[in-house]
Amino acid sequence: MSDENKKRDVKFQLWGWILFIICAGFFIASSLQNHDSLSLVASIIFLIACVVFIIPIISKFD
């Protein structure tokens, strides 16, 4: 695989994880609006997991 293809794949992965983080934000907002503590906890864990997965992708841009 060429370097250009690898960079493109990393960019797609990064955008995918960014969209997951946006979704996590909406899940958190919805659970706060509905006073649903279980969904809030699950959404926060989901957000943390997304951040953990995005860290290695961002470090590839250094």
Protein backbone atom coordinates (compact mmCIF):
# COMPACT_ATOMS: atom_id res chain seq x y z
CA MET A 1 0.00 0.00 0.00
CA SER A 2 1.40 3.40 -0.94
CA ASP A 3 1.97 6.18 1.57
CA GLU A 4 -0.80 8.24 -0.04
CA ASN A 5 -3.30 5.40 0.39
CA LYS A 6 -2.25 4.97 4.02
CA LYS A 7 -2.73 8.68 4.69
CA ARG A 8 -6.16 8.59 3.06
CA ASP A 9 -7.17 5.58 5.17
CA VAL A 10 -6.02 7.33 8.35
CA LYS A 11 -8.04 10.43 7.42
CA PHE A 12 -11.16 8.31 6.87
CA GLN A 13 -10.62 6.61 10.23
CA LEU A 14 -10.16 9.97 11.91
CA TRP A 15 -13.37 11.37 10.40
CA GLY A 16 -15.24 8.22 11.43
CA TRP A 17 -14.12 8.59 15.04
CA ILE A 18 -14.97 12.30 15.00
CA LEU A 19 -18.51 11.41 13.92
CA PHE A 20 -18.70 8.86 16.75
CA ILE A 21 -17.63 11.57 19.22
CA ILE A 22 -20.35 13.88 17.87
CA CYS A 23 -22.89 11.07 18.33
CA ALA A 24 -21.68 10.55 21.89
CA GLY A 25 -22.29 14.24 22.54
CA PHE A 26 -25.86 13.92 21.29
CA PHE A 27 -26.39 10.78 23.39
CA ILE A 28 -25.16 12.65 26.46
CA ALA A 29 -27.44 15.62 25.72
CA SER A 30 -30.43 13.32 25.23
CA SER A 31 -29.80 11.42 28.44
CA LEU A 32 -29.46 14.68 30.38
CA GLN A 33 -32.70 15.98 28.89
CA ASN A 34 -34.52 12.75 29.80
CA HIS A 35 -32.91 12.47 33.26
CA ASP A 36 -31.68 8.97 32.34
CA SER A 37 -28.63 8.26 34.47
CA LEU A 38 -27.94 4.83 32.96
CA SER A 39 -27.82 6.27 29.43
CA LEU A 40 -25.67 9.14 30.67
CA VAL A 41 -23.10 6.77 32.17
CA ALA A 42 -23.11 4.59 29.04
CA SER A 43 -22.73 7.66 26.81
CA ILE A 44 -19.80 8.99 28.82
CA ILE A 45 -18.09 5.59 28.65
CA PHE A 46 -18.73 5.54 24.89
CA LEU A 47 -17.19 9.02 24.57
CA ILE A 48 -14.11 7.99 26.56
CA ALA A 49 -13.71 4.87 24.41
CA CYS A 50 -13.88 6.98 21.24
CA VAL A 51 -11.18 9.28 22.58
CA VAL A 52 -9.00 6.28 23.46
CA PHE A 53 -9.34 4.95 19.91
CA ILE A 54 -8.67 8.33 18.31
CA ILE A 55 -5.40 9.00 20.19
CA PRO A 56 -3.25 6.60 18.09
CA ILE A 57 -4.74 8.00 14.88
CA ILE A 58 -3.92 11.58 15.86
CA SER A 59 -0.38 10.58 16.88
CA LYS A 60 0.20 9.35 13.30
CA PHE A 61 -0.08 12.95 12.08
CA ASP A 62 2.95 14.08 14.12
